[in-house]
Amino acid sequence: MLTNLPAGAPAAVVDAPHWPERELVKLCESADAVAATDPTKASRAPSGKLAYLALPGPAGHRSRYDEDTLANVADLCRRSTAETTMCVFRNIDMEANAKSLVELAGASPKKR
């Protein structure tokens, strides 16, 4: 599946939200890729080189995360043993949700 990537390319992220997490993780491990997972449904804290946490909105991109859910995601991020843990919001309130998550996690956002 991901065999034709150029040498030295960053790891490919596979975002397949309708696949069972266990199957997606297994596929990505065999392809040397990173599984995009929903931290609100995570069964364990992220680990490995890169954790890519996808947050599309609780009811789609036009919805917002509540403070309790963000607190749970922040806790998961704090427990992550991944070298890099990246949270990607794709909902209408992504900026406010991301700022709240950074505060709750006690982290500093990385500037691009």
PDB file of N, CA and C in Angstrom:
ATOM      1  N   MET A   1       0.819  -1.181   0.000  1.00  0.00           N
ATOM      2  CA  MET A   1       0.000   0.000   0.000  1.00  0.00           C
ATOM      3  C   MET A   1       0.868   1.252   0.000  1.00  0.00           C
ATOM      4  N   LEU A   2       1.653   1.579   0.847  1.00  0.00           N
ATOM      5  CA  LEU A   2       2.416   2.827   0.848  1.00  0.00           C
ATOM      6  C   LEU A   2       3.876   2.547   0.506  1.00  0.00           C
ATOM      7  N   THR A   3       4.077   1.786  -0.545  1.00  0.00           N
ATOM      8  CA  THR A   3       5.424   1.343  -0.865  1.00  0.00           C
ATOM      9  C   THR A   3       6.187   2.272  -1.793  1.00  0.00           C
ATOM     10  N   ASN A   4       5.536   3.216  -2.436  1.00  0.00           N
ATOM     11  CA  ASN A   4       6.209   4.063  -3.412  1.00  0.00           C
ATOM     12  C   ASN A   4       6.526   5.459  -2.909  1.00  0.00           C
ATOM     13  N   LEU A   5       6.567   5.644  -1.617  1.00  0.00           N
ATOM     14  CA  LEU A   5       6.922   6.956  -1.067  1.00  0.00           C
ATOM     15  C   LEU A   5       8.412   7.204  -1.271  1.00  0.00           C
ATOM     16  N   PRO A   6       8.799   8.446  -1.535  1.00  0.00           N
ATOM     17  CA  PRO A   6      10.221   8.738  -1.734  1.00  0.00           C
ATOM     18  C   PRO A   6      11.019   8.482  -0.454  1.00  0.00           C
ATOM     19  N   ALA A   7      12.264   8.110  -0.632  1.00  0.00           N
ATOM     20  CA  ALA A   7      13.145   7.895   0.516  1.00  0.00           C
ATOM     21  C   ALA A   7      13.231   9.177   1.336  1.00  0.00           C
ATOM     22  N   GLY A   8      13.158   9.048   2.630  1.00  0.00           N
ATOM     23  CA  GLY A   8      13.256  10.198   3.517  1.00  0.00           C
ATOM     24  C   GLY A   8      11.969  10.971   3.691  1.00  0.00           C
ATOM     25  N   ALA A   9      10.889  10.537   3.044  1.00  0.00           N
ATOM     26  CA  ALA A   9       9.598  11.223   3.188  1.00  0.00           C
ATOM     27  C   ALA A   9       9.084  11.035   4.610  1.00  0.00           C
ATOM     28  N   PRO A  10       8.373  12.023   5.133  1.00  0.00           N
ATOM     29  CA  PRO A  10       7.788  11.839   6.460  1.00  0.00           C
ATOM     30  C   PRO A  10       6.754  10.711   6.422  1.00  0.00           C
ATOM     31  N   ALA A  11       6.458  10.179   7.564  1.00  0.00           N
ATOM     32  CA  ALA A  11       5.483   9.092   7.647  1.00  0.00           C
ATOM     33  C   ALA A  11       4.134   9.547   7.095  1.00  0.00           C
ATOM     34  N   ALA A  12       3.500   8.675   6.352  1.00  0.00           N
ATOM     35  CA  ALA A  12       2.166   8.959   5.829  1.00  0.00           C
ATOM     36  C   ALA A  12       1.153   8.756   6.949  1.00  0.00           C
ATOM     37  N   VAL A  13       0.152   9.605   6.998  1.00  0.00           N
ATOM     38  CA  VAL A  13      -0.926   9.484   7.967  1.00  0.00           C
ATOM     39  C   VAL A  13      -2.142   8.928   7.243  1.00  0.00           C
ATOM     40  N   VAL A  14      -2.695   7.852   7.777  1.00  0.00           N
ATOM     41  CA  VAL A  14      -3.888   7.238   7.196  1.00  0.00           C
ATOM     42  C   VAL A  14      -5.076   7.625   8.071  1.00  0.00           C
ATOM     43  N   ASP A  15      -5.972   8.410   7.484  1.00  0.00           N
ATOM     44  CA  ASP A  15      -7.153   8.887   8.200  1.00  0.00           C
ATOM     45  C   ASP A  15      -8.369   8.162   7.630  1.00  0.00           C
ATOM     46  N   ALA A  16      -8.797   7.135   8.322  1.00  0.00           N
ATOM     47  CA  ALA A  16      -9.933   6.321   7.889  1.00  0.00           C
ATOM     48  C   ALA A  16     -10.885   6.187   9.078  1.00  0.00           C
ATOM     49  N   PRO A  17     -11.672   7.238   9.344  1.00  0.00           N
ATOM     50  CA  PRO A  17     -12.473   7.279  10.573  1.00  0.00           C
ATOM     51  C   PRO A  17     -13.527   6.182  10.708  1.00  0.00           C
ATOM     52  N   HIS A  18     -13.907   5.545   9.616  1.00  0.00           N
ATOM     53  CA  HIS A  18     -14.939   4.517   9.704  1.00  0.00           C
ATOM     54  C   HIS A  18     -14.362   3.114   9.878  1.00  0.00           C
ATOM     55  N   TRP A  19     -13.052   2.981   9.869  1.00  0.00           N
ATOM     56  CA  TRP A  19     -12.419   1.688  10.092  1.00  0.00           C
ATOM     57  C   TRP A  19     -12.277   1.461  11.590  1.00  0.00           C
ATOM     58  N   PRO A  20     -12.385   0.239  12.050  1.00  0.00           N
ATOM     59  CA  PRO A  20     -12.121  -0.049  13.469  1.00  0.00           C
ATOM     60  C   PRO A  20     -10.674   0.316  13.807  1.00  0.00           C
ATOM     61  N   GLU A  21     -10.490   0.960  14.942  1.00  0.00           N
ATOM     62  CA  GLU A  21      -9.156   1.444  15.335  1.00  0.00           C
ATOM     63  C   GLU A  21      -8.126   0.319  15.310  1.00  0.00           C
ATOM     64  N   ARG A  22      -8.470  -0.837  15.823  1.00  0.00           N
ATOM     65  CA  ARG A  22      -7.522  -1.952  15.890  1.00  0.00           C
ATOM     66  C   ARG A  22      -7.021  -2.333  14.487  1.00  0.00           C
ATOM     67  N   GLU A  23      -7.929  -2.406  13.514  1.00  0.00           N
ATOM     68  CA  GLU A  23      -7.548  -2.764  12.143  1.00  0.00           C
ATOM     69  C   GLU A  23      -6.692  -1.672  11.497  1.00  0.00           C
ATOM     70  N   LEU A  24      -7.063  -0.418  11.736  1.00  0.00           N
ATOM     71  CA  LEU A  24      -6.302   0.696  11.172  1.00  0.00           C
ATOM     72  C   LEU A  24      -4.882   0.712  11.726  1.00  0.00           C
ATOM     73  N   VAL A  25      -4.752   0.541  13.026  1.00  0.00           N
ATOM     74  CA  VAL A  25      -3.423   0.535  13.653  1.00  0.00           C
ATOM     75  C   VAL A  25      -2.590  -0.624  13.104  1.00  0.00           C
ATOM     76  N   LYS A  26      -3.199  -1.794  12.956  1.00  0.00           N
ATOM     77  CA  LYS A  26      -2.482  -2.962  12.428  1.00  0.00           C
ATOM     78  C   LYS A  26      -1.998  -2.699  10.998  1.00  0.00           C
ATOM     79  N   LEU A  27      -2.872  -2.135  10.164  1.00  0.00           N
ATOM     80  CA  LEU A  27      -2.496  -1.802   8.787  1.00  0.00           C
ATOM     81  C   LEU A  27      -1.331  -0.823   8.766  1.00  0.00           C
ATOM     82  N   CYS A  28      -1.427   0.219   9.583  1.00  0.00           N
ATOM     83  CA  CYS A  28      -0.385   1.252   9.584  1.00  0.00           C
ATOM     84  C   CYS A  28       0.944   0.717  10.098  1.00  0.00           C
ATOM     85  N   GLU A  29       0.913  -0.171  11.074  1.00  0.00           N
ATOM     86  CA  GLU A  29       2.153  -0.761  11.563  1.00  0.00           C
ATOM     87  C   GLU A  29       2.843  -1.550  10.457  1.00  0.00           C
ATOM     88  N   SER A  30       2.074  -2.276   9.659  1.00  0.00           N
ATOM     89  CA  SER A  30       2.666  -3.083   8.595  1.00  0.00           C
ATOM     90  C   SER A  30       3.154  -2.218   7.428  1.00  0.00           C
ATOM     91  N   ALA A  31       2.611  -1.009   7.287  1.00  0.00           N
ATOM     92  CA  ALA A  31       2.983  -0.124   6.179  1.00  0.00           C
ATOM     93  C   ALA A  31       3.915   0.995   6.616  1.00  0.00           C
ATOM     94  N   ASP A  32       4.361   0.984   7.852  1.00  0.00           N
ATOM     95  CA  ASP A  32       5.211   2.039   8.403  1.00  0.00           C
ATOM     96  C   ASP A  32       4.551   3.409   8.222  1.00  0.00           C
ATOM     97  N   ALA A  33       3.265   3.467   8.556  1.00  0.00           N
ATOM     98  CA  ALA A  33       2.481   4.701   8.467  1.00  0.00           C
ATOM     99  C   ALA A  33       1.928   5.019   9.860  1.00  0.00           C
ATOM    100  N   VAL A  34       1.245   6.143   9.974  1.00  0.00           N
ATOM    101  CA  VAL A  34       0.659   6.579  11.237  1.00  0.00           C
ATOM    102  C   VAL A  34      -0.857   6.568  11.109  1.00  0.00           C
ATOM    103  N   ALA A  35      -1.519   5.953  12.060  1.00  0.00           N
ATOM    104  CA  ALA A  35      -2.980   5.911  12.062  1.00  0.00           C
ATOM    105  C   ALA A  35      -3.524   7.179  12.704  1.00  0.00           C
ATOM    106  N   ALA A  36      -4.431   7.851  12.014  1.00  0.00           N
ATOM    107  CA  ALA A  36      -5.135   8.992  12.605  1.00  0.00           C
ATOM    108  C   ALA A  36      -6.270   8.409  13.440  1.00  0.00           C
ATOM    109  N   THR A  37      -6.266   8.690  14.721  1.00  0.00           N
ATOM    110  CA  THR A  37      -7.289   8.136  15.598  1.00  0.00           C
ATOM    111  C   THR A  37      -8.077   9.243  16.279  1.00  0.00           C
ATOM    112  N   ASP A  38      -9.291   8.918  16.674  1.00  0.00           N
ATOM    113  CA  ASP A  38     -10.162   9.857  17.372  1.00  0.00           C
ATOM    114  C   ASP A  38      -9.899   9.711  18.867  1.00  0.00           C
ATOM    115  N   PRO A  39      -9.323  10.733  19.512  1.00  0.00           N
ATOM    116  CA  PRO A  39      -8.990  10.603  20.928  1.00  0.00           C
ATOM    117  C   PRO A  39     -10.215  10.490  21.836  1.00  0.00           C
ATOM    118  N   THR A  40     -11.383  10.866  21.334  1.00  0.00           N
ATOM    119  CA  THR A  40     -12.584  10.731  22.160  1.00  0.00           C
ATOM    120  C   THR A  40     -13.058   9.280  22.207  1.00  0.00           C
ATOM    121  N   LYS A  41     -12.491   8.429  21.341  1.00  0.00           N
ATOM    122  CA  LYS A  41     -12.847   7.011  21.309  1.00  0.00           C
ATOM    123  C   LYS A  41     -11.646   6.117  21.592  1.00  0.00           C
ATOM    124  N   ALA A  42     -10.555   6.714  22.029  1.00  0.00           N
ATOM    125  CA  ALA A  42      -9.307   5.970  22.207  1.00  0.00           C
ATOM    126  C   ALA A  42      -9.433   4.926  23.310  1.00  0.00           C
ATOM    127  N   SER A  43      -8.851   3.770  23.041  1.00  0.00           N
ATOM    128  CA  SER A  43      -8.858   2.698  24.033  1.00  0.00           C
ATOM    129  C   SER A  43      -7.592   2.724  24.890  1.00  0.00           C
ATOM    130  N   ARG A  44      -6.574   3.470  24.437  1.00  0.00           N
ATOM    131  CA  ARG A  44      -5.321   3.560  25.191  1.00  0.00           C
ATOM    132  C   ARG A  44      -4.607   4.865  24.847  1.00  0.00           C
ATOM    133  N   ALA A  45      -3.636   5.226  25.682  1.00  0.00           N
ATOM    134  CA  ALA A  45      -2.858   6.440  25.434  1.00  0.00           C
ATOM    135  C   ALA A  45      -1.958   6.215  24.219  1.00  0.00           C
ATOM    136  N   PRO A  46      -1.739   7.243  23.419  1.00  0.00           N
ATOM    137  CA  PRO A  46      -0.887   7.107  22.230  1.00  0.00           C
ATOM    138  C   PRO A  46       0.555   6.781  22.597  1.00  0.00           C
ATOM    139  N   SER A  47       1.233   6.123  21.665  1.00  0.00           N
ATOM    140  CA  SER A  47       2.647   5.799  21.848  1.00  0.00           C
ATOM    141  C   SER A  47       3.306   5.811  20.473  1.00  0.00           C
ATOM    142  N   GLY A  48       4.596   5.560  20.455  1.00  0.00           N
ATOM    143  CA  GLY A  48       5.330   5.511  19.193  1.00  0.00           C
ATOM    144  C   GLY A  48       6.008   6.819  18.870  1.00  0.00           C
ATOM    145  N   LYS A  49       6.375   6.966  17.616  1.00  0.00           N
ATOM    146  CA  LYS A  49       7.083   8.161  17.184  1.00  0.00           C
ATOM    147  C   LYS A  49       6.133   9.356  17.028  1.00  0.00           C
ATOM    148  N   LEU A  50       4.970   9.123  16.387  1.00  0.00           N
ATOM    149  CA  LEU A  50       4.005  10.194  16.153  1.00  0.00           C
ATOM    150  C   LEU A  50       2.601   9.712  16.479  1.00  0.00           C
ATOM    151  N   ALA A  51       1.885  10.483  17.262  1.00  0.00           N
ATOM    152  CA  ALA A  51       0.465  10.226  17.518  1.00  0.00           C
ATOM    153  C   ALA A  51      -0.316  11.335  16.823  1.00  0.00           C
ATOM    154  N   TYR A  52      -1.184  10.955  15.899  1.00  0.00           N
ATOM    155  CA  TYR A  52      -1.985  11.912  15.128  1.00  0.00           C
ATOM    156  C   TYR A  52      -3.426  11.749  15.589  1.00  0.00           C
ATOM    157  N   LEU A  53      -3.901  12.708  16.368  1.00  0.00           N
ATOM    158  CA  LEU A  53      -5.244  12.647  16.934  1.00  0.00           C
ATOM    159  C   LEU A  53      -6.165  13.552  16.124  1.00  0.00           C
ATOM    160  N   ALA A  54      -7.122  12.955  15.450  1.00  0.00           N
ATOM    161  CA  ALA A  54      -8.041  13.682  14.569  1.00  0.00           C
ATOM    162  C   ALA A  54      -9.322  14.019  15.323  1.00  0.00           C
ATOM    163  N   LEU A  55      -9.698  15.291  15.289  1.00  0.00           N
ATOM    164  CA  LEU A  55     -10.890  15.772  15.990  1.00  0.00           C
ATOM    165  C   LEU A  55     -11.807  16.499  15.001  1.00  0.00           C
ATOM    166  N   PRO A  56     -12.691  15.742  14.316  1.00  0.00           N
ATOM    167  CA  PRO A  56     -13.537  16.337  13.280  1.00  0.00           C
ATOM    168  C   PRO A  56     -14.771  17.064  13.821  1.00  0.00           C
ATOM    169  N   GLY A  57     -15.005  16.981  15.110  1.00  0.00           N
ATOM    170  CA  GLY A  57     -16.214  17.541  15.715  1.00  0.00           C
ATOM    171  C   GLY A  57     -17.076  16.393  16.208  1.00  0.00           C
ATOM    172  N   PRO A  58     -17.718  16.545  17.358  1.00  0.00           N
ATOM    173  CA  PRO A  58     -18.487  15.433  17.917  1.00  0.00           C
ATOM    174  C   PRO A  58     -19.655  14.995  17.036  1.00  0.00           C
ATOM    175  N   ALA A  59     -20.195  15.921  16.251  1.00  0.00           N
ATOM    176  CA  ALA A  59     -21.311  15.582  15.352  1.00  0.00           C
ATOM    177  C   ALA A  59     -21.034  16.130  13.958  1.00  0.00           C
ATOM    178  N   GLY A  60     -19.772  16.096  13.555  1.00  0.00           N
ATOM    179  CA  GLY A  60     -19.389  16.631  12.252  1.00  0.00           C
ATOM    180  C   GLY A  60     -18.715  17.983  12.378  1.00  0.00           C
ATOM    181  N   HIS A  61     -18.273  18.517  11.251  1.00  0.00           N
ATOM    182  CA  HIS A  61     -17.440  19.728  11.288  1.00  0.00           C
ATOM    183  C   HIS A  61     -18.179  20.974  11.767  1.00  0.00           C
ATOM    184  N   ARG A  62     -19.484  20.977  11.796  1.00  0.00           N
ATOM    185  CA  ARG A  62     -20.218  22.154  12.272  1.00  0.00           C
ATOM    186  C   ARG A  62     -20.540  22.092  13.772  1.00  0.00           C
ATOM    187  N   SER A  63     -19.953  21.161  14.484  1.00  0.00           N
ATOM    188  CA  SER A  63     -20.216  21.035  15.921  1.00  0.00           C
ATOM    189  C   SER A  63     -18.996  21.435  16.737  1.00  0.00           C
ATOM    190  N   ARG A  64     -19.203  21.615  18.020  1.00  0.00           N
ATOM    191  CA  ARG A  64     -18.156  22.063  18.929  1.00  0.00           C
ATOM    192  C   ARG A  64     -17.962  21.043  20.039  1.00  0.00           C
ATOM    193  N   TYR A  65     -16.717  20.944  20.536  1.00  0.00           N
ATOM    194  CA  TYR A  65     -16.431  20.063  21.667  1.00  0.00           C
ATOM    195  C   TYR A  65     -16.727  20.802  22.966  1.00  0.00           C
ATOM    196  N   ASP A  66     -17.304  20.091  23.932  1.00  0.00           N
ATOM    197  CA  ASP A  66     -17.557  20.699  25.243  1.00  0.00           C
ATOM    198  C   ASP A  66     -16.305  20.577  26.119  1.00  0.00           C
ATOM    199  N   GLU A  67     -16.292  21.299  27.220  1.00  0.00           N
ATOM    200  CA  GLU A  67     -15.114  21.352  28.094  1.00  0.00           C
ATOM    201  C   GLU A  67     -14.769  19.983  28.687  1.00  0.00           C
ATOM    202  N   ASP A  68     -15.776  19.175  29.032  1.00  0.00           N
ATOM    203  CA  ASP A  68     -15.496  17.847  29.591  1.00  0.00           C
ATOM    204  C   ASP A  68     -14.757  16.968  28.587  1.00  0.00           C
ATOM    205  N   THR A  69     -15.206  17.001  27.347  1.00  0.00           N
ATOM    206  CA  THR A  69     -14.547  16.200  26.308  1.00  0.00           C
ATOM    207  C   THR A  69     -13.125  16.691  26.094  1.00  0.00           C
ATOM    208  N   LEU A  70     -12.940  18.004  26.040  1.00  0.00           N
ATOM    209  CA  LEU A  70     -11.593  18.550  25.865  1.00  0.00           C
ATOM    210  C   LEU A  70     -10.695  18.199  27.052  1.00  0.00           C
ATOM    211  N   ALA A  71     -11.246  18.173  28.255  1.00  0.00           N
ATOM    212  CA  ALA A  71     -10.470  17.784  29.436  1.00  0.00           C
ATOM    213  C   ALA A  71     -10.026  16.321  29.317  1.00  0.00           C
ATOM    214  N   ASN A  72     -10.894  15.455  28.795  1.00  0.00           N
ATOM    215  CA  ASN A  72     -10.525  14.050  28.597  1.00  0.00           C
ATOM    216  C   ASN A  72      -9.432  13.906  27.539  1.00  0.00           C
ATOM    217  N   VAL A  73      -9.529  14.689  26.462  1.00  0.00           N
ATOM    218  CA  VAL A  73      -8.497  14.656  25.416  1.00  0.00           C
ATOM    219  C   VAL A  73      -7.176  15.185  25.983  1.00  0.00           C
ATOM    220  N   ALA A  74      -7.230  16.232  26.787  1.00  0.00           N
ATOM    221  CA  ALA A  74      -6.022  16.785  27.410  1.00  0.00           C
ATOM    222  C   ALA A  74      -5.354  15.738  28.303  1.00  0.00           C
ATOM    223  N   ASP A  75      -6.165  14.994  29.050  1.00  0.00           N
ATOM    224  CA  ASP A  75      -5.622  13.938  29.905  1.00  0.00           C
ATOM    225  C   ASP A  75      -4.942  12.864  29.062  1.00  0.00           C
ATOM    226  N   LEU A  76      -5.569  12.488  27.967  1.00  0.00           N
ATOM    227  CA  LEU A  76      -4.981  11.496  27.067  1.00  0.00           C
ATOM    228  C   LEU A  76      -3.646  12.010  26.510  1.00  0.00           C
ATOM    229  N   CYS A  77      -3.603  13.277  26.139  1.00  0.00           N
ATOM    230  CA  CYS A  77      -2.361  13.870  25.618  1.00  0.00           C
ATOM    231  C   CYS A  77      -1.260  13.862  26.679  1.00  0.00           C
ATOM    232  N   ARG A  78      -1.618  14.171  27.912  1.00  0.00           N
ATOM    233  CA  ARG A  78      -0.620  14.162  28.994  1.00  0.00           C
ATOM    234  C   ARG A  78      -0.068  12.753  29.224  1.00  0.00           C
ATOM    235  N   ARG A  79      -0.902  11.728  29.038  1.00  0.00           N
ATOM    236  CA  ARG A  79      -0.482  10.341  29.243  1.00  0.00           C
ATOM    237  C   ARG A  79       0.226   9.753  28.027  1.00  0.00           C
ATOM    238  N   SER A  80       0.232  10.463  26.918  1.00  0.00           N
ATOM    239  CA  SER A  80       0.860   9.975  25.697  1.00  0.00           C
ATOM    240  C   SER A  80       2.355   9.749  25.917  1.00  0.00           C
ATOM    241  N   THR A  81       2.837   8.630  25.400  1.00  0.00           N
ATOM    242  CA  THR A  81       4.278   8.361  25.442  1.00  0.00           C
ATOM    243  C   THR A  81       4.899   8.531  24.052  1.00  0.00           C
ATOM    244  N   ALA A  82       4.118   9.049  23.104  1.00  0.00           N
ATOM    245  CA  ALA A  82       4.624   9.293  21.752  1.00  0.00           C
ATOM    246  C   ALA A  82       5.669  10.410  21.793  1.00  0.00           C
ATOM    247  N   GLU A  83       6.640  10.342  20.889  1.00  0.00           N
ATOM    248  CA  GLU A  83       7.634  11.413  20.798  1.00  0.00           C
ATOM    249  C   GLU A  83       6.953  12.737  20.473  1.00  0.00           C
ATOM    250  N   THR A  84       5.973  12.706  19.566  1.00  0.00           N
ATOM    251  CA  THR A  84       5.196  13.880  19.189  1.00  0.00           C
ATOM    252  C   THR A  84       3.724  13.493  19.190  1.00  0.00           C
ATOM    253  N   THR A  85       2.916  14.295  19.859  1.00  0.00           N
ATOM    254  CA  THR A  85       1.467  14.084  19.858  1.00  0.00           C
ATOM    255  C   THR A  85       0.837  15.300  19.209  1.00  0.00           C
ATOM    256  N   MET A  86       0.139  15.067  18.106  1.00  0.00           N
ATOM    257  CA  MET A  86      -0.454  16.152  17.329  1.00  0.00           C
ATOM    258  C   MET A  86      -1.976  16.005  17.352  1.00  0.00           C
ATOM    259  N   CYS A  87      -2.663  17.078  17.730  1.00  0.00           N
ATOM    260  CA  CYS A  87      -4.125  17.103  17.706  1.00  0.00           C
ATOM    261  C   CYS A  87      -4.564  18.013  16.563  1.00  0.00           C
ATOM    262  N   VAL A  88      -5.402  17.483  15.688  1.00  0.00           N
ATOM    263  CA  VAL A  88      -5.849  18.228  14.520  1.00  0.00           C
ATOM    264  C   VAL A  88      -7.362  18.396  14.593  1.00  0.00           C
ATOM    265  N   PHE A  89      -7.797  19.624  14.872  1.00  0.00           N
ATOM    266  CA  PHE A  89      -9.223  19.933  14.915  1.00  0.00           C
ATOM    267  C   PHE A  89      -9.692  20.281  13.510  1.00  0.00           C
ATOM    268  N   ARG A  90     -10.878  19.774  13.151  1.00  0.00           N
ATOM    269  CA  ARG A  90     -11.450  20.067  11.837  1.00  0.00           C
ATOM    270  C   ARG A  90     -12.896  20.523  11.959  1.00  0.00           C
ATOM    271  N   ASN A  91     -13.228  21.076  13.093  1.00  0.00           N
ATOM    272  CA  ASN A  91     -14.602  21.521  13.299  1.00  0.00           C
ATOM    273  C   ASN A  91     -14.681  23.042  13.211  1.00  0.00           C
ATOM    274  N   ILE A  92     -15.901  23.549  13.192  1.00  0.00           N
ATOM    275  CA  ILE A  92     -16.142  24.976  13.000  1.00  0.00           C
ATOM    276  C   ILE A  92     -15.495  25.833  14.089  1.00  0.00           C
ATOM    277  N   ASP A  93     -15.349  25.293  15.286  1.00  0.00           N
ATOM    278  CA  ASP A  93     -14.790  26.039  16.414  1.00  0.00           C
ATOM    279  C   ASP A  93     -13.366  25.576  16.714  1.00  0.00           C
ATOM    280  N   MET A  94     -12.627  25.199  15.669  1.00  0.00           N
ATOM    281  CA  MET A  94     -11.309  24.592  15.849  1.00  0.00           C
ATOM    282  C   MET A  94     -10.334  25.478  16.622  1.00  0.00           C
ATOM    283  N   GLU A  95     -10.324  26.772  16.355  1.00  0.00           N
ATOM    284  CA  GLU A  95      -9.364  27.637  17.035  1.00  0.00           C
ATOM    285  C   GLU A  95      -9.649  27.713  18.533  1.00  0.00           C
ATOM    286  N   ALA A  96     -10.890  27.936  18.908  1.00  0.00           N
ATOM    287  CA  ALA A  96     -11.252  28.012  20.330  1.00  0.00           C
ATOM    288  C   ALA A  96     -11.042  26.668  21.024  1.00  0.00           C
ATOM    289  N   ASN A  97     -11.434  25.575  20.356  1.00  0.00           N
ATOM    290  CA  ASN A  97     -11.238  24.248  20.949  1.00  0.00           C
ATOM    291  C   ASN A  97      -9.756  23.945  21.135  1.00  0.00           C
ATOM    292  N   ALA A  98      -8.930  24.295  20.165  1.00  0.00           N
ATOM    293  CA  ALA A  98      -7.493  24.039  20.260  1.00  0.00           C
ATOM    294  C   ALA A  98      -6.874  24.859  21.392  1.00  0.00           C
ATOM    295  N   LYS A  99      -7.257  26.116  21.521  1.00  0.00           N
ATOM    296  CA  LYS A  99      -6.727  26.952  22.604  1.00  0.00           C
ATOM    297  C   LYS A  99      -7.122  26.397  23.963  1.00  0.00           C
ATOM    298  N   SER A 100      -8.356  25.947  24.088  1.00  0.00           N
ATOM    299  CA  SER A 100      -8.813  25.337  25.344  1.00  0.00           C
ATOM    300  C   SER A 100      -8.025  24.071  25.650  1.00  0.00           C
ATOM    301  N   LEU A 101      -7.792  23.253  24.624  1.00  0.00           N
ATOM    302  CA  LEU A 101      -7.041  22.010  24.822  1.00  0.00           C
ATOM    303  C   LEU A 101      -5.623  22.298  25.290  1.00  0.00           C
ATOM    304  N   VAL A 102      -4.977  23.274  24.680  1.00  0.00           N
ATOM    305  CA  VAL A 102      -3.611  23.634  25.076  1.00  0.00           C
ATOM    306  C   VAL A 102      -3.591  24.075  26.545  1.00  0.00           C
ATOM    307  N   GLU A 103      -4.544  24.886  26.946  1.00  0.00           N
ATOM    308  CA  GLU A 103      -4.621  25.322  28.349  1.00  0.00           C
ATOM    309  C   GLU A 103      -4.847  24.146  29.279  1.00  0.00           C
ATOM    310  N   LEU A 104      -5.814  23.292  28.931  1.00  0.00           N
ATOM    311  CA  LEU A 104      -6.139  22.147  29.779  1.00  0.00           C
ATOM    312  C   LEU A 104      -4.984  21.155  29.883  1.00  0.00           C
ATOM    313  N   ALA A 105      -4.225  21.016  28.805  1.00  0.00           N
ATOM    314  CA  ALA A 105      -3.099  20.069  28.810  1.00  0.00           C
ATOM    315  C   ALA A 105      -1.863  20.666  29.464  1.00  0.00           C
ATOM    316  N   GLY A 106      -1.880  21.980  29.674  1.00  0.00           N
ATOM    317  CA  GLY A 106      -0.716  22.634  30.265  1.00  0.00           C
ATOM    318  C   GLY A 106       0.479  22.630  29.339  1.00  0.00           C
ATOM    319  N   ALA A 107       0.201  22.744  28.039  1.00  0.00           N
ATOM    320  CA  ALA A 107       1.267  22.685  27.025  1.00  0.00           C
ATOM    321  C   ALA A 107       1.401  24.030  26.338  1.00  0.00           C
ATOM    322  N   SER A 108       2.451  24.146  25.574  1.00  0.00           N
ATOM    323  CA  SER A 108       2.658  25.324  24.742  1.00  0.00           C
ATOM    324  C   SER A 108       2.491  24.899  23.298  1.00  0.00           C
ATOM    325  N   PRO A 109       1.654  25.629  22.533  1.00  0.00           N
ATOM    326  CA  PRO A 109       1.501  25.237  21.123  1.00  0.00           C
ATOM    327  C   PRO A 109       2.772  25.514  20.353  1.00  0.00           C
ATOM    328  N   LYS A 110       3.063  24.655  19.384  1.00  0.00           N
ATOM    329  CA  LYS A 110       4.228  24.851  18.512  1.00  0.00           C
ATOM    330  C   LYS A 110       3.835  25.825  17.415  1.00  0.00           C
ATOM    331  N   LYS A 111       4.709  26.784  17.166  1.00  0.00           N
ATOM    332  CA  LYS A 111       4.485  27.750  16.079  1.00  0.00           C
ATOM    333  C   LYS A 111       5.025  27.170  14.800  1.00  0.00           C
ATOM    334  N   ARG A 112       4.360  27.451  13.704  1.00  0.00           N
ATOM    335  CA  ARG A 112       4.860  27.002  12.392  1.00  0.00           C
ATOM    336  C   ARG A 112       5.757  28.035  11.802  1.00  0.00           C
TER     337      ARG A 112
END
